Protein backbone atom coordinates (compact mmCIF):
# COMPACT_ATOMS: atom_id res chain seq x y z
CA UNK A 1 -0.05 0.15 0.03
CA UNK A 2 2.91 2.33 0.74
CA UNK A 3 4.54 1.74 -2.56
CA UNK A 4 1.26 2.18 -4.39
CA UNK A 5 0.59 5.51 -2.52
CA UNK A 6 4.23 6.71 -3.31
CA UNK A 7 3.60 6.00 -6.95
CA UNK A 8 0.14 7.59 -6.82
CA UNK A 9 1.60 10.84 -5.32
CA UNK A 10 4.58 10.87 -7.86
CA UNK A 11 2.10 10.65 -10.64
CA UNK A 12 0.07 13.57 -9.29
CA UNK A 13 3.28 15.64 -8.82
CA UNK A 14 4.38 14.84 -12.41
CA UNK A 15 0.97 15.78 -13.72
CA UNK A 16 0.99 19.14 -11.96
CA UNK A 17 4.68 19.67 -12.98
CA UNK A 18 3.54 19.20 -16.67
CA UNK A 19 0.54 21.45 -16.31
CA UNK A 20 2.49 24.19 -14.72
CA UNK A 21 5.25 23.87 -17.36
CA UNK A 22 2.51 24.24 -20.21
CA UNK A 23 1.31 27.58 -18.60
CA UNK A 24 4.72 29.16 -17.91
CA UNK A 25 8.19 28.51 -19.12
CA UNK A 26 10.25 25.90 -17.14
CA UNK A 27 13.03 28.23 -16.14
CA UNK A 28 10.28 30.79 -14.81
CA UNK A 29 8.61 27.95 -13.00
CA UNK A 30 11.70 26.88 -11.09
CA UNK A 31 12.11 30.59 -10.09
CA UNK A 32 8.41 30.97 -8.82
CA UNK A 33 8.78 27.88 -6.62
CA UNK A 34 11.43 29.53 -4.48
CA UNK A 35 10.29 33.34 -4.88
CA UNK A 36 6.64 33.08 -5.51
CA UNK A 37 6.98 35.95 -8.12
CA UNK A 38 8.98 36.60 -11.30
CA UNK A 39 10.03 39.56 -13.47
CA UNK A 40 13.17 39.82 -15.57
CA UNK A 41 14.64 42.29 -18.12
CA UNK A 42 16.19 40.51 -21.24
CA UNK A 43 18.20 42.00 -24.00
CA UNK A 44 17.93 41.25 -27.60
CA UNK A 45 14.97 39.00 -27.38
CA UNK A 46 13.38 38.13 -30.79
CA UNK A 47 9.57 38.33 -30.99
CA UNK A 48 7.17 37.07 -33.62
CA UNK A 49 3.60 37.47 -34.24
CA UNK A 50 1.89 35.19 -36.79
CA UNK A 51 -1.58 35.67 -37.91
CA UNK A 52 -4.15 33.82 -39.91
CA UNK A 53 -5.34 36.82 -41.90
CA UNK A 54 -8.42 35.19 -43.49
CA UNK A 55 -9.68 33.08 -40.49
CA UNK A 56 -12.42 35.64 -39.74
CA UNK A 57 -13.61 35.58 -43.32
CA UNK A 58 -13.85 31.76 -43.10
CA UNK A 59 -15.43 31.56 -39.66
CA UNK A 60 -19.22 31.05 -40.01
CA UNK A 61 -21.13 31.07 -36.82
CA UNK A 62 -24.14 29.61 -38.65
CA UNK A 63 -22.27 26.40 -39.31
CA UNK A 64 -22.47 24.24 -36.21
CA UNK A 65 -22.25 27.55 -34.10
CA UNK A 66 -18.73 28.00 -35.38
CA UNK A 67 -17.41 24.86 -33.64
CA UNK A 68 -15.91 23.30 -36.67
CA UNK A 69 -13.86 26.23 -37.47
CA UNK A 70 -12.60 26.59 -33.92
CA UNK A 71 -11.78 22.73 -34.23
CA UNK A 72 -9.68 23.62 -37.31
CA UNK A 73 -7.95 26.41 -35.56
CA UNK A 74 -7.22 24.09 -32.55
CA UNK A 75 -5.69 21.50 -34.84
CA UNK A 76 -3.53 24.04 -36.46
CA UNK A 77 -2.19 25.69 -33.30
CA UNK A 78 -1.54 22.16 -31.94
CA UNK A 79 0.59 21.40 -35.21
CA UNK A 80 2.54 24.68 -34.44
CA UNK A 81 3.01 23.81 -30.89
CA UNK A 82 4.32 20.37 -31.81
CA UNK A 83 7.15 22.16 -33.64
CA UNK A 84 8.48 23.45 -30.19
CA UNK A 85 9.30 19.92 -29.16
CA UNK A 86 12.02 19.80 -31.77
CA UNK A 87 15.54 20.36 -30.50
CA UNK A 88 16.33 23.04 -33.00
CA UNK A 89 13.63 25.24 -31.46
CA UNK A 90 14.79 24.83 -27.94
CA UNK A 91 15.17 28.70 -27.67
CA UNK A 92 11.57 29.33 -28.72
CA UNK A 93 8.85 30.08 -26.18
CA UNK A 94 5.30 30.27 -27.07
CA UNK A 95 3.88 33.23 -25.37
CA UNK A 96 0.19 33.00 -26.11
CA UNK A 97 -2.48 32.95 -28.91
CA UNK A 98 -4.70 36.00 -29.34
CA UNK A 99 -7.67 34.76 -31.52
CA UNK A 100 -6.00 33.49 -34.71
CA UNK A 101 -2.55 35.17 -34.01
CA UNK A 102 0.26 33.13 -32.64
CA UNK A 103 2.84 34.90 -30.47
CA UNK A 104 6.32 33.55 -29.72
CA UNK A 105 9.75 34.69 -28.58
CA UNK A 106 13.19 33.50 -28.43
CA UNK A 107 16.16 34.23 -26.13
CA UNK A 108 14.22 34.50 -22.79
CA UNK A 109 16.13 31.79 -21.03
CA UNK A 110 19.65 32.89 -19.89
CA UNK A 111 21.01 29.40 -19.50
CA UNK A 112 19.96 28.24 -22.94
CA UNK A 113 21.35 31.42 -24.46
CA UNK A 114 24.64 30.96 -22.73
CA UNK A 115 25.09 27.69 -24.60
CA UNK A 116 24.73 29.43 -28.18
CA UNK A 117 27.90 29.72 -29.94
CA UNK A 118 26.43 32.77 -31.77
CA UNK A 119 25.04 35.64 -29.89
CA UNK A 120 22.20 36.03 -32.49
CA UNK A 121 21.49 32.29 -32.72
CA UNK A 122 18.18 32.62 -30.87
CA UNK A 123 17.02 35.20 -33.64
CA UNK A 124 17.87 32.87 -36.39
CA UNK A 125 16.14 29.98 -34.63
CA UNK A 126 12.88 32.25 -34.49
CA UNK A 127 13.19 32.86 -38.16
CA UNK A 128 13.43 29.23 -38.98
CA UNK A 129 10.42 28.69 -36.56
CA UNK A 130 8.54 31.06 -38.74
CA UNK A 131 9.51 29.22 -41.92
CA UNK A 132 8.39 25.94 -40.37
CA UNK A 133 5.12 27.50 -39.49
CA UNK A 134 4.69 28.35 -43.10
CA UNK A 135 5.18 24.89 -44.01
CA UNK A 136 2.62 23.79 -41.43
CA UNK A 137 0.04 26.14 -43.08
CA UNK A 138 0.93 24.86 -46.64
CA UNK A 139 0.50 21.02 -45.42
CA UNK A 140 -2.63 21.90 -43.73
CA UNK A 141 -4.21 23.63 -46.76
CA UNK A 142 -3.19 20.44 -48.84
CA UNK A 143 -4.97 18.14 -46.44
CA UNK A 144 -8.16 20.34 -45.96
CA UNK A 145 -8.91 21.32 -49.63
CA UNK A 146 -11.83 23.46 -48.64
CA UNK A 147 -9.51 25.69 -46.56
CA UNK A 148 -6.93 28.19 -47.84
CA UNK A 149 -5.58 29.74 -44.81
CA UNK A 150 -3.07 32.58 -45.30
CA UNK A 151 -0.35 33.16 -42.67
CA UNK A 152 1.18 36.77 -42.30
CA UNK A 153 4.33 36.96 -39.96
CA UNK A 154 6.06 39.80 -38.30
CA UNK A 155 9.40 39.79 -36.44
CA UNK A 156 11.60 42.06 -34.46
CA UNK A 157 14.13 41.92 -31.68
CA UNK A 158 15.00 44.18 -28.75
CA UNK A 159 14.79 44.54 -25.10
CA UNK A 160 11.71 43.22 -23.15
CA UNK A 161 10.43 42.79 -19.68
CA UNK A 162 9.14 39.32 -18.89
CA UNK A 163 6.85 38.76 -15.89
CA UNK A 164 4.23 36.53 -14.40
CA UNK A 165 0.89 38.24 -13.18
CA UNK A 166 -1.41 37.08 -10.63
CA UNK A 167 -1.31 34.52 -7.71
CA UNK A 168 -4.10 32.36 -9.31
CA UNK A 169 -4.40 31.36 -12.97
CA UNK A 170 -0.90 32.56 -13.69
CA UNK A 171 -0.13 34.49 -16.54
CA UNK A 172 3.28 34.98 -18.33
CA UNK A 173 3.80 37.64 -20.88
CA UNK A 174 6.41 40.11 -22.16
CA UNK A 175 6.44 43.70 -22.63
CA UNK A 176 8.33 46.36 -24.36
CA UNK A 177 8.77 48.59 -27.48
CA UNK A 178 10.38 45.56 -29.14
CA UNK A 179 7.20 43.65 -28.64
CA UNK A 180 4.99 46.45 -29.96
CA UNK A 181 7.18 46.72 -33.13
CA UNK A 182 7.09 43.05 -33.73
CA UNK A 183 3.06 43.22 -33.45
CA UNK A 184 3.22 46.13 -36.07
CA UNK A 185 5.52 44.16 -38.41
CA UNK A 186 2.66 41.60 -38.43
CA UNK A 187 -0.25 43.86 -38.75
CA UNK A 188 1.39 46.06 -41.38
CA UNK A 189 2.90 42.93 -43.19
CA UNK A 190 2.17 41.29 -46.51
CA UNK A 191 0.02 38.06 -46.47
CA UNK A 192 1.99 34.85 -46.98
CA UNK A 193 5.29 36.79 -46.26
CA UNK A 194 7.65 37.28 -43.20
CA UNK A 195 8.29 40.97 -42.62
CA UNK A 196 11.06 42.23 -40.26
CA UNK A 197 12.20 45.56 -39.07
CA UNK A 198 15.31 47.35 -40.35
CA UNK A 199 17.28 46.43 -37.28
CA UNK A 200 16.29 42.86 -37.54
CA UNK A 201 17.23 42.94 -41.17
CA UNK A 202 20.66 43.89 -40.38
CA UNK A 203 21.24 40.87 -38.42
CA UNK A 204 19.44 38.33 -40.68
CA UNK A 205 21.29 39.56 -43.75
CA UNK A 206 24.06 37.24 -42.57
CA UNK A 207 22.09 34.02 -43.45
CA UNK A 208 18.85 35.14 -45.48
CA UNK A 209 18.04 36.85 -48.67
CA UNK A 210 15.83 40.01 -47.89
CA UNK A 211 13.68 42.30 -50.10
CA UNK A 212 13.49 45.98 -49.08
CA UNK A 213 9.89 46.87 -49.05
CA UNK A 214 10.63 50.65 -48.04
CA UNK A 215 9.06 52.90 -45.50
CA UNK A 216 5.73 51.67 -43.88
CA UNK A 217 3.79 53.68 -41.45
CA UNK A 218 3.94 52.22 -38.23
CA UNK A 219 1.70 53.50 -35.23
CA UNK A 220 3.80 55.46 -32.77
CA UNK A 221 6.88 55.19 -34.99
CA UNK A 222 5.81 57.14 -38.08
CA UNK A 223 7.58 55.56 -41.18
CA UNK A 224 9.88 52.56 -40.63
CA UNK A 225 12.17 50.88 -43.16
CA UNK A 226 10.81 47.27 -43.39
CA UNK A 227 12.06 44.18 -45.20
CA UNK A 228 10.62 41.10 -46.52
CA UNK A 229 12.39 37.77 -46.15
CA UNK A 230 12.86 35.84 -49.31
CA UNK A 231 14.57 32.78 -48.30
CA UNK A 232 17.85 31.23 -46.84
CA UNK A 233 20.85 32.30 -48.65
CA UNK A 234 22.00 28.72 -49.42
CA UNK A 235 18.52 28.04 -50.94
CA UNK A 236 18.45 31.14 -53.14
């Protein structure tokens, strides 16, 4: 009986750990266990917003109360989440989904960044994650012929503040000008393309072909020089 109780308690503990790590990042959860609160400033964090621009057009509440479209959205987000289990995306942290927009960031775990041989490796990894998301969308559209989902991605990097809000229903998020610009890179972007800020383009130019789009009006920033990703240099 003692052995069974020990196994049951361990199982419950493992389930609680799994649930906690799916709500907030593992390195944040470890900090909260000892301090009960968490906030941290991070430099040069890469931030990405990816929106399914035509989801609202496809959504039809008259068809099964909209449940079928939410099921499709859930399957798609689950496919994107599955990418995070790959070792090449160990720097990537999903922040949240906002409707049909997927928000992720890279470079929030200091220990993982310390292992990187390139100071900008996490930025490159977020771009690769964005490219992988485009493939997920393409594969999804091929499997479901009646859907033609279009993904628009915006990417930026800079200093952010990360923190956990609340004592119940914990909420992990990141804030900062870099986050706002990343969001604008998405909202002002081109459907089916990855748009990045000029500062981001200067880094990505080492490995990727970029197309200058020119000045684009960005709320709170006036006109910003932005670029569209064409592909990896070795591919092009």
